């Protein structure tokens, strides 16, 4: 289970260009962090994560979108 602070830290580590969004490429560039995201969101691939969470239907995910997926997976404290 992730706390708000842990999830924010994870998101910030994935957001390499610090634009407030994590792109598919940024997820692939961080396989260890990607594995943690998969566990917290109950998804198997970055593409599945984007499909479940991406309200804007683009190739990136915002912190709020990620938080919602983690909450839906029951892994948010």
PDB file of N, CA and C in Angstrom:
ATOM      1  N   UNK A   1       0.832  -1.183   0.000  1.00  0.00           N
ATOM      2  CA  UNK A   1       0.000   0.000   0.000  1.00  0.00           C
ATOM      3  C   UNK A   1       0.877   1.247   0.000  1.00  0.00           C
ATOM      4  N   UNK A   2       0.453   2.211  -0.740  1.00  0.00           N
ATOM      5  CA  UNK A   2       1.211   3.446  -0.867  1.00  0.00           C
ATOM      6  C   UNK A   2       0.539   4.577  -0.103  1.00  0.00           C
ATOM      7  N   UNK A   3       1.363   5.372   0.548  1.00  0.00           N
ATOM      8  CA  UNK A   3       0.864   6.596   1.158  1.00  0.00           C
ATOM      9  C   UNK A   3       0.934   7.706   0.113  1.00  0.00           C
ATOM     10  N   UNK A   4       0.317   8.818   0.409  1.00  0.00           N
ATOM     11  CA  UNK A   4       0.367   9.969  -0.507  1.00  0.00           C
ATOM     12  C   UNK A   4       1.815  10.367  -0.787  1.00  0.00           C
ATOM     13  N   UNK A   5       2.631  10.429   0.253  1.00  0.00           N
ATOM     14  CA  UNK A   5       4.031  10.834   0.106  1.00  0.00           C
ATOM     15  C   UNK A   5       4.810   9.813  -0.742  1.00  0.00           C
ATOM     16  N   UNK A   6       4.602   8.531  -0.511  1.00  0.00           N
ATOM     17  CA  UNK A   6       5.293   7.507  -1.285  1.00  0.00           C
ATOM     18  C   UNK A   6       4.891   7.554  -2.757  1.00  0.00           C
ATOM     19  N   UNK A   7       3.604   7.708  -2.998  1.00  0.00           N
ATOM     20  CA  UNK A   7       3.127   7.755  -4.370  1.00  0.00           C
ATOM     21  C   UNK A   7       3.655   8.998  -5.077  1.00  0.00           C
ATOM     22  N   UNK A   8       3.679  10.124  -4.393  1.00  0.00           N
ATOM     23  CA  UNK A   8       4.211  11.365  -4.975  1.00  0.00           C
ATOM     24  C   UNK A   8       5.700  11.203  -5.303  1.00  0.00           C
ATOM     25  N   UNK A   9       6.453  10.597  -4.395  1.00  0.00           N
ATOM     26  CA  UNK A   9       7.882  10.375  -4.626  1.00  0.00           C
ATOM     27  C   UNK A   9       8.110   9.465  -5.825  1.00  0.00           C
ATOM     28  N   UNK A  10       7.314   8.421  -5.923  1.00  0.00           N
ATOM     29  CA  UNK A  10       7.418   7.502  -7.045  1.00  0.00           C
ATOM     30  C   UNK A  10       7.083   8.217  -8.354  1.00  0.00           C
ATOM     31  N   UNK A  11       6.004   8.987  -8.351  1.00  0.00           N
ATOM     32  CA  UNK A  11       5.614   9.731  -9.545  1.00  0.00           C
ATOM     33  C   UNK A  11       6.721  10.706  -9.959  1.00  0.00           C
ATOM     34  N   UNK A  12       7.246  11.446  -8.993  1.00  0.00           N
ATOM     35  CA  UNK A  12       8.297  12.423  -9.293  1.00  0.00           C
ATOM     36  C   UNK A  12       9.554  11.756  -9.842  1.00  0.00           C
ATOM     37  N   UNK A  13       9.868  10.561  -9.346  1.00  0.00           N
ATOM     38  CA  UNK A  13      11.030   9.830  -9.864  1.00  0.00           C
ATOM     39  C   UNK A  13      10.802   9.378 -11.305  1.00  0.00           C
ATOM     40  N   UNK A  14       9.581   9.009 -11.628  1.00  0.00           N
ATOM     41  CA  UNK A  14       9.260   8.596 -12.996  1.00  0.00           C
ATOM     42  C   UNK A  14       9.199   9.790 -13.945  1.00  0.00           C
ATOM     43  N   UNK A  15       8.785  10.940 -13.449  1.00  0.00           N
ATOM     44  CA  UNK A  15       8.620  12.141 -14.274  1.00  0.00           C
ATOM     45  C   UNK A  15       9.973  12.801 -14.503  1.00  0.00           C
ATOM     46  N   UNK A  16      10.769  12.194 -15.361  1.00  0.00           N
ATOM     47  CA  UNK A  16      12.150  12.636 -15.579  1.00  0.00           C
ATOM     48  C   UNK A  16      12.262  14.069 -16.092  1.00  0.00           C
ATOM     49  N   UNK A  17      11.339  14.488 -16.944  1.00  0.00           N
ATOM     50  CA  UNK A  17      11.434  15.848 -17.484  1.00  0.00           C
ATOM     51  C   UNK A  17      10.660  16.869 -16.639  1.00  0.00           C
ATOM     52  N   UNK A  18      10.074  16.412 -15.538  1.00  0.00           N
ATOM     53  CA  UNK A  18       9.381  17.271 -14.565  1.00  0.00           C
ATOM     54  C   UNK A  18       8.296  18.136 -15.215  1.00  0.00           C
ATOM     55  N   UNK A  19       7.529  17.541 -16.151  1.00  0.00           N
ATOM     56  CA  UNK A  19       6.454  18.289 -16.800  1.00  0.00           C
ATOM     57  C   UNK A  19       5.094  18.019 -16.163  1.00  0.00           C
ATOM     58  N   UNK A  20       5.084  17.252 -15.067  1.00  0.00           N
ATOM     59  CA  UNK A  20       3.827  16.973 -14.372  1.00  0.00           C
ATOM     60  C   UNK A  20       3.065  15.798 -14.936  1.00  0.00           C
ATOM     61  N   UNK A  21       3.662  15.113 -15.913  1.00  0.00           N
ATOM     62  CA  UNK A  21       3.058  13.930 -16.524  1.00  0.00           C
ATOM     63  C   UNK A  21       4.137  12.875 -16.686  1.00  0.00           C
ATOM     64  N   UNK A  22       3.747  11.622 -16.590  1.00  0.00           N
ATOM     65  CA  UNK A  22       4.671  10.528 -16.841  1.00  0.00           C
ATOM     66  C   UNK A  22       4.271   9.908 -18.173  1.00  0.00           C
ATOM     67  N   UNK A  23       5.202   9.939 -19.110  1.00  0.00           N
ATOM     68  CA  UNK A  23       4.930   9.392 -20.437  1.00  0.00           C
ATOM     69  C   UNK A  23       5.219   7.901 -20.454  1.00  0.00           C
ATOM     70  N   UNK A  24       4.741   7.255 -21.476  1.00  0.00           N
ATOM     71  CA  UNK A  24       5.007   5.836 -21.677  1.00  0.00           C
ATOM     72  C   UNK A  24       6.513   5.595 -21.736  1.00  0.00           C
ATOM     73  N   UNK A  25       7.242   6.471 -22.410  1.00  0.00           N
ATOM     74  CA  UNK A  25       8.699   6.332 -22.499  1.00  0.00           C
ATOM     75  C   UNK A  25       9.357   6.445 -21.130  1.00  0.00           C
ATOM     76  N   UNK A  26       8.891   7.367 -20.299  1.00  0.00           N
ATOM     77  CA  UNK A  26       9.467   7.525 -18.963  1.00  0.00           C
ATOM     78  C   UNK A  26       9.230   6.272 -18.124  1.00  0.00           C
ATOM     79  N   UNK A  27       8.093   5.645 -18.289  1.00  0.00           N
ATOM     80  CA  UNK A  27       7.815   4.408 -17.553  1.00  0.00           C
ATOM     81  C   UNK A  27       8.764   3.301 -18.010  1.00  0.00           C
ATOM     82  N   UNK A  28       8.952   3.178 -19.327  1.00  0.00           N
ATOM     83  CA  UNK A  28       9.843   2.148 -19.858  1.00  0.00           C
ATOM     84  C   UNK A  28      11.300   2.388 -19.470  1.00  0.00           C
ATOM     85  N   UNK A  29      11.697   3.643 -19.274  1.00  0.00           N
ATOM     86  CA  UNK A  29      13.072   3.965 -18.907  1.00  0.00           C
ATOM     87  C   UNK A  29      13.392   3.635 -17.449  1.00  0.00           C
ATOM     88  N   UNK A  30      12.378   3.324 -16.666  1.00  0.00           N
ATOM     89  CA  UNK A  30      12.564   3.032 -15.238  1.00  0.00           C
ATOM     90  C   UNK A  30      11.921   1.693 -14.895  1.00  0.00           C
ATOM     91  N   UNK A  31      12.530   0.576 -15.331  1.00  0.00           N
ATOM     92  CA  UNK A  31      11.876  -0.722 -15.128  1.00  0.00           C
ATOM     93  C   UNK A  31      11.608  -1.071 -13.667  1.00  0.00           C
ATOM     94  N   UNK A  32      12.479  -0.696 -12.757  1.00  0.00           N
ATOM     95  CA  UNK A  32      12.251  -0.987 -11.343  1.00  0.00           C
ATOM     96  C   UNK A  32      11.059  -0.231 -10.802  1.00  0.00           C
ATOM     97  N   UNK A  33      10.975   1.044 -11.134  1.00  0.00           N
ATOM     98  CA  UNK A  33       9.844   1.853 -10.697  1.00  0.00           C
ATOM     99  C   UNK A  33       8.565   1.418 -11.400  1.00  0.00           C
ATOM    100  N   UNK A  34       8.711   1.019 -12.646  1.00  0.00           N
ATOM    101  CA  UNK A  34       7.560   0.520 -13.403  1.00  0.00           C
ATOM    102  C   UNK A  34       6.971  -0.718 -12.731  1.00  0.00           C
ATOM    103  N   UNK A  35       7.835  -1.577 -12.204  1.00  0.00           N
ATOM    104  CA  UNK A  35       7.369  -2.784 -11.510  1.00  0.00           C
ATOM    105  C   UNK A  35       6.585  -2.424 -10.257  1.00  0.00           C
ATOM    106  N   UNK A  36       7.038  -1.412  -9.536  1.00  0.00           N
ATOM    107  CA  UNK A  36       6.321  -0.964  -8.331  1.00  0.00           C
ATOM    108  C   UNK A  36       4.949  -0.422  -8.723  1.00  0.00           C
ATOM    109  N   UNK A  37       4.908   0.393  -9.774  1.00  0.00           N
ATOM    110  CA  UNK A  37       3.635   0.929 -10.259  1.00  0.00           C
ATOM    111  C   UNK A  37       2.689  -0.210 -10.615  1.00  0.00           C
ATOM    112  N   UNK A  38       3.203  -1.233 -11.288  1.00  0.00           N
ATOM    113  CA  UNK A  38       2.366  -2.372 -11.673  1.00  0.00           C
ATOM    114  C   UNK A  38       1.773  -3.054 -10.454  1.00  0.00           C
ATOM    115  N   UNK A  39       2.572  -3.222  -9.411  1.00  0.00           N
ATOM    116  CA  UNK A  39       2.073  -3.841  -8.181  1.00  0.00           C
ATOM    117  C   UNK A  39       1.005  -2.991  -7.512  1.00  0.00           C
ATOM    118  N   UNK A  40       1.229  -1.699  -7.442  1.00  0.00           N
ATOM    119  CA  UNK A  40       0.299  -0.796  -6.753  1.00  0.00           C
ATOM    120  C   UNK A  40      -1.006  -0.614  -7.512  1.00  0.00           C
ATOM    121  N   UNK A  41      -0.962  -0.778  -8.845  1.00  0.00           N
ATOM    122  CA  UNK A  41      -2.156  -0.519  -9.651  1.00  0.00           C
ATOM    123  C   UNK A  41      -2.809  -1.797 -10.171  1.00  0.00           C
ATOM    124  N   UNK A  42      -2.204  -2.940  -9.881  1.00  0.00           N
ATOM    125  CA  UNK A  42      -2.695  -4.225 -10.386  1.00  0.00           C
ATOM    126  C   UNK A  42      -2.790  -4.248 -11.910  1.00  0.00           C
ATOM    127  N   UNK A  43      -1.799  -3.642 -12.569  1.00  0.00           N
ATOM    128  CA  UNK A  43      -1.713  -3.684 -14.022  1.00  0.00           C
ATOM    129  C   UNK A  43      -0.465  -4.464 -14.412  1.00  0.00           C
ATOM    130  N   UNK A  44      -0.468  -5.006 -15.630  1.00  0.00           N
ATOM    131  CA  UNK A  44       0.660  -5.819 -16.076  1.00  0.00           C
ATOM    132  C   UNK A  44       1.645  -5.073 -16.960  1.00  0.00           C
ATOM    133  N   UNK A  45       1.180  -4.041 -17.632  1.00  0.00           N
ATOM    134  CA  UNK A  45       2.048  -3.300 -18.548  1.00  0.00           C
ATOM    135  C   UNK A  45       1.780  -1.802 -18.421  1.00  0.00           C
ATOM    136  N   UNK A  46       2.757  -0.988 -18.826  1.00  0.00           N
ATOM    137  CA  UNK A  46       2.496   0.452 -18.844  1.00  0.00           C
ATOM    138  C   UNK A  46       1.314   0.817 -19.738  1.00  0.00           C
ATOM    139  N   UNK A  47       1.140   0.102 -20.830  1.00  0.00           N
ATOM    140  CA  UNK A  47       0.013   0.369 -21.717  1.00  0.00           C
ATOM    141  C   UNK A  47      -1.314   0.108 -21.015  1.00  0.00           C
ATOM    142  N   UNK A  48      -1.370  -0.956 -20.220  1.00  0.00           N
ATOM    143  CA  UNK A  48      -2.591  -1.262 -19.463  1.00  0.00           C
ATOM    144  C   UNK A  48      -2.863  -0.175 -18.430  1.00  0.00           C
ATOM    145  N   UNK A  49      -1.812   0.316 -17.785  1.00  0.00           N
ATOM    146  CA  UNK A  49      -1.962   1.404 -16.828  1.00  0.00           C
ATOM    147  C   UNK A  49      -2.564   2.624 -17.512  1.00  0.00           C
ATOM    148  N   UNK A  50      -2.034   2.986 -18.666  1.00  0.00           N
ATOM    149  CA  UNK A  50      -2.563   4.141 -19.381  1.00  0.00           C
ATOM    150  C   UNK A  50      -4.001   3.918 -19.815  1.00  0.00           C
ATOM    151  N   UNK A  51      -4.315   2.726 -20.263  1.00  0.00           N
ATOM    152  CA  UNK A  51      -5.678   2.425 -20.699  1.00  0.00           C
ATOM    153  C   UNK A  51      -6.674   2.561 -19.544  1.00  0.00           C
ATOM    154  N   UNK A  52      -6.275   2.154 -18.347  1.00  0.00           N
ATOM    155  CA  UNK A  52      -7.176   2.208 -17.190  1.00  0.00           C
ATOM    156  C   UNK A  52      -7.303   3.601 -16.596  1.00  0.00           C
ATOM    157  N   UNK A  53      -6.274   4.410 -16.745  1.00  0.00           N
ATOM    158  CA  UNK A  53      -6.252   5.659 -15.985  1.00  0.00           C
ATOM    159  C   UNK A  53      -6.308   6.915 -16.814  1.00  0.00           C
ATOM    160  N   UNK A  54      -6.017   6.826 -18.055  1.00  0.00           N
ATOM    161  CA  UNK A  54      -5.778   8.011 -18.855  1.00  0.00           C
ATOM    162  C   UNK A  54      -7.077   8.643 -19.323  1.00  0.00           C
ATOM    163  N   UNK A  55      -7.534   9.596 -18.565  1.00  0.00           N
ATOM    164  CA  UNK A  55      -8.788  10.274 -18.881  1.00  0.00           C
ATOM    165  C   UNK A  55      -8.674  11.140 -20.127  1.00  0.00           C
ATOM    166  N   UNK A  56      -7.481  11.660 -20.387  1.00  0.00           N
ATOM    167  CA  UNK A  56      -7.283  12.551 -21.528  1.00  0.00           C
ATOM    168  C   UNK A  56      -6.938  11.784 -22.804  1.00  0.00           C
ATOM    169  N   UNK A  57      -6.767  10.483 -22.712  1.00  0.00           N
ATOM    170  CA  UNK A  57      -6.463   9.625 -23.858  1.00  0.00           C
ATOM    171  C   UNK A  57      -5.217  10.076 -24.613  1.00  0.00           C
ATOM    172  N   UNK A  58      -4.147  10.343 -23.863  1.00  0.00           N
ATOM    173  CA  UNK A  58      -2.867  10.652 -24.482  1.00  0.00           C
ATOM    174  C   UNK A  58      -1.841   9.638 -23.997  1.00  0.00           C
ATOM    175  N   UNK A  59      -0.587   9.832 -24.346  1.00  0.00           N
ATOM    176  CA  UNK A  59       0.449   8.863 -23.990  1.00  0.00           C
ATOM    177  C   UNK A  59       1.152   9.207 -22.690  1.00  0.00           C
ATOM    178  N   UNK A  60       0.422   9.800 -21.752  1.00  0.00           N
ATOM    179  CA  UNK A  60       1.011  10.120 -20.458  1.00  0.00           C
ATOM    180  C   UNK A  60      -0.063  10.059 -19.387  1.00  0.00           C
ATOM    181  N   UNK A  61       0.401  10.052 -18.137  1.00  0.00           N
ATOM    182  CA  UNK A  61      -0.506   9.980 -16.997  1.00  0.00           C
ATOM    183  C   UNK A  61      -0.115  11.057 -15.989  1.00  0.00           C
ATOM    184  N   UNK A  62      -1.094  11.725 -15.436  1.00  0.00           N
ATOM    185  CA  UNK A  62      -0.829  12.731 -14.411  1.00  0.00           C
ATOM    186  C   UNK A  62      -0.797  12.059 -13.038  1.00  0.00           C
ATOM    187  N   UNK A  63      -0.342  12.805 -12.046  1.00  0.00           N
ATOM    188  CA  UNK A  63      -0.324  12.275 -10.693  1.00  0.00           C
ATOM    189  C   UNK A  63      -1.731  11.913 -10.221  1.00  0.00           C
ATOM    190  N   UNK A  64      -2.682  12.784 -10.475  1.00  0.00           N
ATOM    191  CA  UNK A  64      -4.058  12.530 -10.034  1.00  0.00           C
ATOM    192  C   UNK A  64      -4.642  11.282 -10.698  1.00  0.00           C
ATOM    193  N   UNK A  65      -4.335  11.073 -11.979  1.00  0.00           N
ATOM    194  CA  UNK A  65      -4.811   9.871 -12.670  1.00  0.00           C
ATOM    195  C   UNK A  65      -4.187   8.621 -12.054  1.00  0.00           C
ATOM    196  N   UNK A  66      -2.886   8.690 -11.758  1.00  0.00           N
ATOM    197  CA  UNK A  66      -2.207   7.557 -11.126  1.00  0.00           C
ATOM    198  C   UNK A  66      -2.810   7.273  -9.756  1.00  0.00           C
ATOM    199  N   UNK A  67      -3.049   8.315  -8.993  1.00  0.00           N
ATOM    200  CA  UNK A  67      -3.616   8.151  -7.649  1.00  0.00           C
ATOM    201  C   UNK A  67      -4.977   7.464  -7.708  1.00  0.00           C
ATOM    202  N   UNK A  68      -5.800   7.827  -8.671  1.00  0.00           N
ATOM    203  CA  UNK A  68      -7.117   7.205  -8.821  1.00  0.00           C
ATOM    204  C   UNK A  68      -7.007   5.710  -9.126  1.00  0.00           C
ATOM    205  N   UNK A  69      -6.059   5.330  -9.970  1.00  0.00           N
ATOM    206  CA  UNK A  69      -5.879   3.906 -10.303  1.00  0.00           C
ATOM    207  C   UNK A  69      -5.407   3.138  -9.068  1.00  0.00           C
ATOM    208  N   UNK A  70      -4.492   3.722  -8.301  1.00  0.00           N
ATOM    209  CA  UNK A  70      -4.006   3.073  -7.086  1.00  0.00           C
ATOM    210  C   UNK A  70      -5.147   2.927  -6.081  1.00  0.00           C
ATOM    211  N   UNK A  71      -5.990   3.947  -5.960  1.00  0.00           N
ATOM    212  CA  UNK A  71      -7.146   3.866  -5.066  1.00  0.00           C
ATOM    213  C   UNK A  71      -8.103   2.761  -5.512  1.00  0.00           C
ATOM    214  N   UNK A  72      -8.394   2.698  -6.816  1.00  0.00           N
ATOM    215  CA  UNK A  72      -9.291   1.669  -7.341  1.00  0.00           C
ATOM    216  C   UNK A  72      -8.755   0.274  -7.097  1.00  0.00           C
ATOM    217  N   UNK A  73      -7.416   0.142  -7.093  1.00  0.00           N
ATOM    218  CA  UNK A  73      -6.787  -1.155  -6.844  1.00  0.00           C
ATOM    219  C   UNK A  73      -6.764  -1.487  -5.344  1.00  0.00           C
ATOM    220  N   UNK A  74      -7.190  -0.534  -4.510  1.00  0.00           N
ATOM    221  CA  UNK A  74      -7.219  -0.760  -3.062  1.00  0.00           C
ATOM    222  C   UNK A  74      -5.865  -0.683  -2.407  1.00  0.00           C
ATOM    223  N   UNK A  75      -4.935   0.063  -3.016  1.00  0.00           N
ATOM    224  CA  UNK A  75      -3.569   0.136  -2.504  1.00  0.00           C
ATOM    225  C   UNK A  75      -3.143   1.538  -2.091  1.00  0.00           C
ATOM    226  N   UNK A  76      -4.089   2.320  -1.601  1.00  0.00           N
ATOM    227  CA  UNK A  76      -3.764   3.680  -1.187  1.00  0.00           C
ATOM    228  C   UNK A  76      -4.141   3.875   0.266  1.00  0.00           C
ATOM    229  N   UNK A  77      -3.193   4.364   1.045  1.00  0.00           N
ATOM    230  CA  UNK A  77      -3.449   4.646   2.465  1.00  0.00           C
ATOM    231  C   UNK A  77      -3.842   6.081   2.647  1.00  0.00           C
TER     232      UNK A  77
END
